[in-house]
């Protein structure tokens, strides 16, 4: 097209129309009157643009594919983390269920003995404190814990507090060789002193050398003056062996502790002693003896045999 007056007028007219359309589109916002035309153009030219972009931009497509792949990998990793967290949560739930049972059993023991207790968690064993059988619990003087308080769990006697810090305390376990507690036999009331022997049963010296005691008998704490270091009535253990009586002034028996002293988790520190001695009420019920089935044998006499035991006449 030659540069004539008509062509210049046509160019000015087209520019004016273009500015007019832009102004209308901007002022119209979301309800622009040219939306229909724009959508129609997109319908017609969109596939062509996509095809051209795919053909002329392979590097962009590759980057996009890598990005998508990374997103899928990230999603898989996230799912794996979610699964791991779920498994950990389930494991935690199992542990929490076990701890709830421990706590419930311990609270029942405390209620039966009318002990006021402060719950605690075992957070360390005594390797760092020497060769004694001790554990560290997560409560201390800030929680009202004092030296020589009785420590128990849902099964029975655990030990006594020996060292108290602001937020933690050390407990000497009942199986430590330096541990001694006064005991009383269930029903017979025979008194004695139980001492720890490490991983072996407790050794109990009964004051009565002629005391009648047998395997399966049970013991509780006798208690101490002013309830320190032991409150009365806490289950200690069950007799596993009795030394023959040799005429000594005392009699020795060996006792398996009720509490599993090598697998402690939750314990209770007795911060308030009972108003009266609970005696044997804290001991668990005795297991009922399984009755021995009676076998009836029926003997049918054979021919020629004597039923009464008298000789048969020939």
Protein backbone atom coordinates (compact mmCIF):
# COMPACT_ATOMS: atom_id res chain seq x y z
CA UNK A 1 0.00 0.00 0.00
CA UNK A 2 1.32 3.38 -1.06
CA UNK A 3 1.72 6.20 1.46
CA UNK A 4 -1.27 8.26 0.34
CA UNK A 5 -3.66 10.49 2.17
CA UNK A 6 -6.33 7.78 2.14
CA UNK A 7 -3.97 5.22 3.65
CA UNK A 8 -2.95 7.57 6.41
CA UNK A 9 -6.60 8.31 7.19
CA UNK A 10 -7.32 4.55 7.31
CA UNK A 11 -4.43 3.98 9.71
CA UNK A 12 -5.61 6.79 12.02
CA UNK A 13 -9.13 5.32 11.94
CA UNK A 14 -7.94 1.83 12.85
CA UNK A 15 -5.82 3.17 15.75
CA UNK A 16 -8.80 5.18 17.01
CA UNK A 17 -11.02 2.04 16.88
CA UNK A 18 -8.38 0.04 18.73
CA UNK A 19 -8.11 2.61 21.53
CA UNK A 20 -11.89 2.73 21.74
CA UNK A 21 -12.11 -1.08 22.15
CA UNK A 22 -9.36 -1.06 24.80
CA UNK A 23 -11.19 1.68 26.72
CA UNK A 24 -14.50 -0.22 26.57
CA UNK A 25 -12.81 -3.45 27.68
CA UNK A 26 -11.09 -1.83 30.66
CA UNK A 27 -14.21 0.01 31.81
CA UNK A 28 -16.38 -3.06 31.36
CA UNK A 29 -14.29 -5.16 33.80
CA UNK A 30 -15.65 -8.71 34.16
CA UNK A 31 -18.72 -7.83 32.04
CA UNK A 32 -16.75 -6.49 29.13
CA UNK A 33 -18.78 -6.48 25.86
CA UNK A 34 -15.78 -7.88 24.00
CA UNK A 35 -15.59 -11.02 26.17
CA UNK A 36 -17.67 -12.91 23.68
CA UNK A 37 -15.34 -12.04 20.87
CA UNK A 38 -12.31 -12.86 23.02
CA UNK A 39 -13.72 -16.27 23.97
CA UNK A 40 -14.60 -17.00 20.37
CA UNK A 41 -11.09 -16.14 19.32
CA UNK A 42 -9.68 -18.32 22.09
CA UNK A 43 -11.86 -21.22 20.92
CA UNK A 44 -10.62 -20.86 17.38
CA UNK A 45 -6.98 -20.03 17.95
CA UNK A 46 -6.35 -21.78 21.30
CA UNK A 47 -5.65 -25.28 19.90
CA UNK A 48 -3.41 -23.78 17.27
CA UNK A 49 -1.44 -21.86 19.92
CA UNK A 50 -1.05 -24.98 22.05
CA UNK A 51 0.11 -26.98 19.09
CA UNK A 52 2.61 -24.33 18.08
CA UNK A 53 3.89 -24.03 21.69
CA UNK A 54 4.33 -27.81 21.91
CA UNK A 55 6.17 -27.89 18.64
CA UNK A 56 8.46 -24.95 19.22
CA UNK A 57 9.16 -25.31 23.00
CA UNK A 58 10.41 -28.88 23.74
CA UNK A 59 12.77 -27.60 26.47
CA UNK A 60 9.83 -25.96 28.24
CA UNK A 61 7.90 -29.22 27.99
CA UNK A 62 10.82 -31.16 29.47
CA UNK A 63 11.15 -28.74 32.39
CA UNK A 64 7.41 -29.02 32.96
CA UNK A 65 7.64 -32.81 32.96
CA UNK A 66 10.52 -32.74 35.43
CA UNK A 67 8.56 -30.37 37.63
CA UNK A 68 5.53 -32.68 37.55
CA UNK A 69 7.75 -35.65 38.30
CA UNK A 70 9.23 -33.84 41.25
CA UNK A 71 5.75 -33.03 42.51
CA UNK A 72 4.78 -36.70 42.30
CA UNK A 73 7.97 -37.68 44.12
CA UNK A 74 7.30 -35.08 46.79
CA UNK A 75 3.77 -36.40 47.18
CA UNK A 76 5.00 -39.97 47.55
CA UNK A 77 7.55 -38.84 50.11
CA UNK A 78 4.81 -37.00 51.98
CA UNK A 79 2.63 -40.12 51.95
CA UNK A 80 5.51 -42.22 53.24
CA UNK A 81 6.03 -39.71 56.07
CA UNK A 82 2.31 -39.79 56.83
CA UNK A 83 2.38 -43.61 56.98
CA UNK A 84 5.44 -43.56 59.23
CA UNK A 85 3.77 -41.00 61.48
CA UNK A 86 0.63 -43.11 61.58
CA UNK A 87 2.60 -46.20 62.58
CA UNK A 88 4.40 -44.19 65.23
CA UNK A 89 1.07 -42.87 66.46
CA UNK A 90 -0.34 -46.39 66.66
CA UNK A 91 2.74 -47.50 68.57
CA UNK A 92 2.34 -44.54 70.86
CA UNK A 93 -1.29 -45.47 71.39
CA UNK A 94 -0.26 -49.01 72.39
CA UNK A 95 2.22 -47.58 74.87
CA UNK A 96 -0.32 -45.12 76.15
CA UNK A 97 -2.85 -47.90 76.64
CA UNK A 98 -0.25 -49.83 78.64
CA UNK A 99 0.52 -46.76 80.74
CA UNK A 100 -3.16 -46.12 81.35
CA UNK A 101 -3.44 -49.67 82.72
CA UNK A 102 -0.39 -49.12 84.91
CA UNK A 103 -1.80 -45.86 86.24
CA UNK A 104 -5.23 -47.37 86.86
CA UNK A 105 -3.70 -50.30 88.77
CA UNK A 106 -1.51 -47.97 90.83
CA UNK A 107 -4.45 -45.73 91.73
CA UNK A 108 -6.44 -48.77 92.86
CA UNK A 109 -3.51 -49.88 95.03
CA UNK A 110 -3.27 -46.40 96.54
CA UNK A 111 -7.03 -46.32 97.16
CA UNK A 112 -7.01 -49.72 98.87
CA UNK A 113 -4.22 -48.60 101.20
CA UNK A 114 -5.50 -45.04 101.59
CA UNK A 115 -2.11 -43.74 100.45
CA UNK A 116 -1.81 -40.22 99.10
CA UNK A 117 0.56 -40.58 96.15
CA UNK A 118 2.27 -38.36 93.59
CA UNK A 119 2.66 -40.01 90.19
CA UNK A 120 6.05 -40.02 88.49
CA UNK A 121 7.83 -41.44 85.45
CA UNK A 122 11.10 -43.33 85.58
CA UNK A 123 13.46 -41.36 83.33
CA UNK A 124 16.86 -42.97 84.03
CA UNK A 125 18.52 -45.96 85.65
CA UNK A 126 21.34 -45.77 88.16
CA UNK A 127 24.35 -46.63 86.01
CA UNK A 128 25.61 -43.07 86.27
CA UNK A 129 25.20 -43.14 90.03
CA UNK A 130 27.40 -46.17 90.76
CA UNK A 131 26.66 -49.86 90.91
CA UNK A 132 23.58 -49.59 93.14
CA UNK A 133 20.10 -50.52 91.97
CA UNK A 134 18.53 -47.07 91.59
CA UNK A 135 16.31 -45.16 89.20
CA UNK A 136 15.65 -41.47 88.64
CA UNK A 137 12.09 -40.14 88.57
CA UNK A 138 10.88 -36.86 87.10
CA UNK A 139 9.56 -35.19 90.28
CA UNK A 140 11.45 -33.54 93.12
CA UNK A 141 11.27 -30.99 95.91
CA UNK A 142 9.20 -28.62 93.77
CA UNK A 143 6.55 -31.36 93.76
CA UNK A 144 6.66 -31.94 97.52
CA UNK A 145 8.97 -34.97 97.42
CA UNK A 146 11.18 -35.59 100.43
CA UNK A 147 13.90 -38.05 101.35
CA UNK A 148 12.81 -41.49 102.68
CA UNK A 149 9.35 -41.46 101.13
CA UNK A 150 7.94 -44.85 100.08
CA UNK A 151 7.77 -45.58 96.34
CA UNK A 152 5.31 -48.11 94.90
CA UNK A 153 3.49 -49.05 91.72
CA UNK A 154 0.35 -51.01 90.96
CA UNK A 155 2.01 -54.30 91.91
CA UNK A 156 3.66 -53.35 95.18
CA UNK A 157 6.78 -51.96 96.82
CA UNK A 158 9.37 -50.39 94.49
CA UNK A 159 11.78 -48.71 96.91
CA UNK A 160 12.38 -45.48 98.79
CA UNK A 161 13.53 -41.98 97.90
CA UNK A 162 17.18 -41.38 98.81
CA UNK A 163 18.14 -38.13 97.04
CA UNK A 164 15.89 -35.22 96.13
CA UNK A 165 16.64 -32.46 93.63
CA UNK A 166 14.40 -29.59 92.56
CA UNK A 167 12.79 -31.51 89.69
CA UNK A 168 14.09 -35.09 89.97
CA UNK A 169 14.67 -37.69 92.69
CA UNK A 170 16.68 -40.89 93.11
CA UNK A 171 14.92 -44.05 94.25
CA UNK A 172 16.80 -46.95 95.86
CA UNK A 173 15.11 -50.10 94.60
CA UNK A 174 13.98 -52.91 96.89
CA UNK A 175 16.46 -55.37 95.36
CA UNK A 176 19.52 -53.24 96.17
CA UNK A 177 21.89 -54.92 98.67
CA UNK A 178 21.75 -51.79 100.84
CA UNK A 179 17.96 -51.88 100.96
CA UNK A 180 16.16 -53.18 104.07
CA UNK A 181 12.46 -53.04 104.94
CA UNK A 182 10.45 -54.41 107.85
CA UNK A 183 7.91 -57.02 106.76
CA UNK A 184 4.87 -58.77 108.16
CA UNK A 185 3.53 -62.14 107.02
CA UNK A 186 -0.04 -62.28 105.79
CA UNK A 187 -2.43 -63.87 108.35
CA UNK A 188 0.26 -65.07 110.80
CA UNK A 189 1.66 -61.55 111.40
CA UNK A 190 5.21 -62.95 111.73
CA UNK A 191 7.67 -60.07 111.54
CA UNK A 192 10.98 -59.93 109.71
CA UNK A 193 13.40 -57.86 107.69
CA UNK A 194 13.73 -58.11 103.90
CA UNK A 195 17.02 -57.25 102.18
CA UNK A 196 17.82 -56.88 98.48
CA UNK A 197 20.07 -59.31 96.64
CA UNK A 198 20.32 -57.76 93.20
CA UNK A 199 18.80 -60.00 90.55
CA UNK A 200 18.05 -62.73 93.11
CA UNK A 201 14.97 -62.96 95.36
CA UNK A 202 14.74 -60.83 98.49
CA UNK A 203 16.17 -62.45 101.60
CA UNK A 204 13.87 -62.24 104.62
CA UNK A 205 14.97 -62.99 108.16
CA UNK A 206 11.92 -63.83 110.28
CA UNK A 207 12.33 -62.94 113.94
CA UNK A 208 10.71 -66.19 115.03
CA UNK A 209 13.03 -69.11 114.25
CA UNK A 210 10.10 -71.51 114.60
CA UNK A 211 7.70 -69.53 112.45
CA UNK A 212 5.42 -71.63 110.31
CA UNK A 213 5.90 -70.45 106.76
CA UNK A 214 5.57 -72.13 103.40
CA UNK A 215 6.05 -71.43 99.72
CA UNK A 216 3.33 -69.13 98.40
CA UNK A 217 2.90 -67.12 101.62
CA UNK A 218 2.83 -63.35 101.11
CA UNK A 219 4.38 -60.38 102.88
CA UNK A 220 3.61 -56.67 103.25
CA UNK A 221 5.58 -53.79 104.71
CA UNK A 222 5.39 -53.49 108.49
CA UNK A 223 5.77 -49.75 108.45
CA UNK A 224 8.18 -47.44 110.27
CA UNK A 225 8.03 -44.82 112.97
CA UNK A 226 6.40 -41.69 111.60
CA UNK A 227 5.85 -43.69 108.37
CA UNK A 228 9.40 -43.04 107.22
CA UNK A 229 10.88 -44.55 105.25
CA UNK A 230 8.00 -47.02 104.77
CA UNK A 231 4.26 -46.84 105.19
CA UNK A 232 2.51 -50.05 106.32
CA UNK A 233 0.60 -52.55 104.22
CA UNK A 234 2.42 -52.18 100.88
CA UNK A 235 2.67 -55.60 99.14
CA UNK A 236 6.29 -56.81 99.14
CA UNK A 237 6.31 -60.25 97.54
CA UNK A 238 5.57 -63.95 97.71
CA UNK A 239 7.69 -66.67 99.38
CA UNK A 240 9.52 -68.76 96.78
CA UNK A 241 11.75 -70.83 99.08
CA UNK A 242 12.07 -71.60 102.79
CA UNK A 243 15.34 -72.61 104.43
CA UNK A 244 15.02 -75.61 106.76
CA UNK A 245 14.74 -74.62 110.40
CA UNK A 246 17.97 -75.49 112.18
CA UNK A 247 17.12 -74.22 115.62
CA UNK A 248 18.43 -70.74 114.88
CA UNK A 249 16.96 -67.69 116.52
CA UNK A 250 15.69 -66.49 113.12
CA UNK A 251 14.33 -68.23 110.05
CA UNK A 252 15.31 -67.38 106.49
CA UNK A 253 12.90 -67.29 103.57
CA UNK A 254 13.32 -65.99 100.02
CA UNK A 255 10.73 -63.76 98.43
CA UNK A 256 9.99 -62.84 94.81
CA UNK A 257 8.96 -59.15 94.70
CA UNK A 258 5.50 -58.37 93.38
CA UNK A 259 6.85 -55.36 91.45
CA UNK A 260 8.95 -56.01 88.35
CA UNK A 261 11.97 -53.98 89.43
CA UNK A 262 13.73 -54.33 86.06
CA UNK A 263 10.83 -52.97 83.99
CA UNK A 264 9.60 -49.88 85.78
CA UNK A 265 7.79 -47.06 84.00
CA UNK A 266 5.18 -45.28 86.12
CA UNK A 267 5.53 -45.19 89.91
CA UNK A 268 3.91 -43.39 92.81
CA UNK A 269 5.62 -41.64 95.71
CA UNK A 270 3.59 -41.82 98.92
CA UNK A 271 3.33 -38.23 100.11
CA UNK A 272 0.54 -38.91 102.64
CA UNK A 273 0.47 -41.98 104.90
CA UNK A 274 -2.78 -43.83 105.67
CA UNK A 275 -4.62 -42.92 108.88
CA UNK A 276 -4.57 -46.56 109.99
CA UNK A 277 -2.62 -49.67 109.04
CA UNK A 278 -4.33 -51.25 106.00
CA UNK A 279 -2.97 -54.65 107.10
CA UNK A 280 -3.50 -57.14 104.24
CA UNK A 281 -6.19 -55.25 102.35
CA UNK A 282 -3.81 -54.01 99.65
CA UNK A 283 -2.73 -57.54 98.68
CA UNK A 284 -4.42 -58.83 95.53
CA UNK A 285 -7.03 -61.56 95.98
CA UNK A 286 -5.59 -65.03 96.28
CA UNK A 287 -6.01 -67.01 93.07
CA UNK A 288 -8.67 -69.66 93.41
CA UNK A 289 -7.36 -73.19 93.45
CA UNK A 290 -8.27 -75.16 90.36
CA UNK A 291 -10.31 -78.17 91.46
CA UNK A 292 -8.84 -81.53 90.55
CA UNK A 293 -11.26 -83.35 88.25
CA UNK A 294 -12.65 -86.57 89.72
CA UNK A 295 -12.24 -89.56 87.46
CA UNK A 296 -14.75 -92.36 87.93
CA UNK A 297 -13.62 -95.76 86.76
CA UNK A 298 -16.26 -98.35 86.10
CA UNK A 299 -15.06 -101.93 86.10
CA UNK A 300 -17.23 -104.51 84.41
CA UNK A 301 -16.55 -108.01 85.81
CA UNK A 302 -15.69 -110.56 83.20
CA UNK A 303 -17.22 -113.99 83.06
CA UNK A 304 -15.91 -116.28 85.77
CA UNK A 305 -14.66 -113.39 87.88
CA UNK A 306 -15.64 -112.88 91.50
CA UNK A 307 -17.28 -109.54 92.24
CA UNK A 308 -17.43 -109.82 95.99
CA UNK A 309 -13.95 -111.08 96.42
CA UNK A 310 -15.20 -114.49 97.60
CA UNK A 311 -14.20 -117.65 95.74
CA UNK A 312 -16.78 -118.67 93.16
CA UNK A 313 -18.22 -122.15 93.53
CA UNK A 314 -17.28 -124.56 90.84
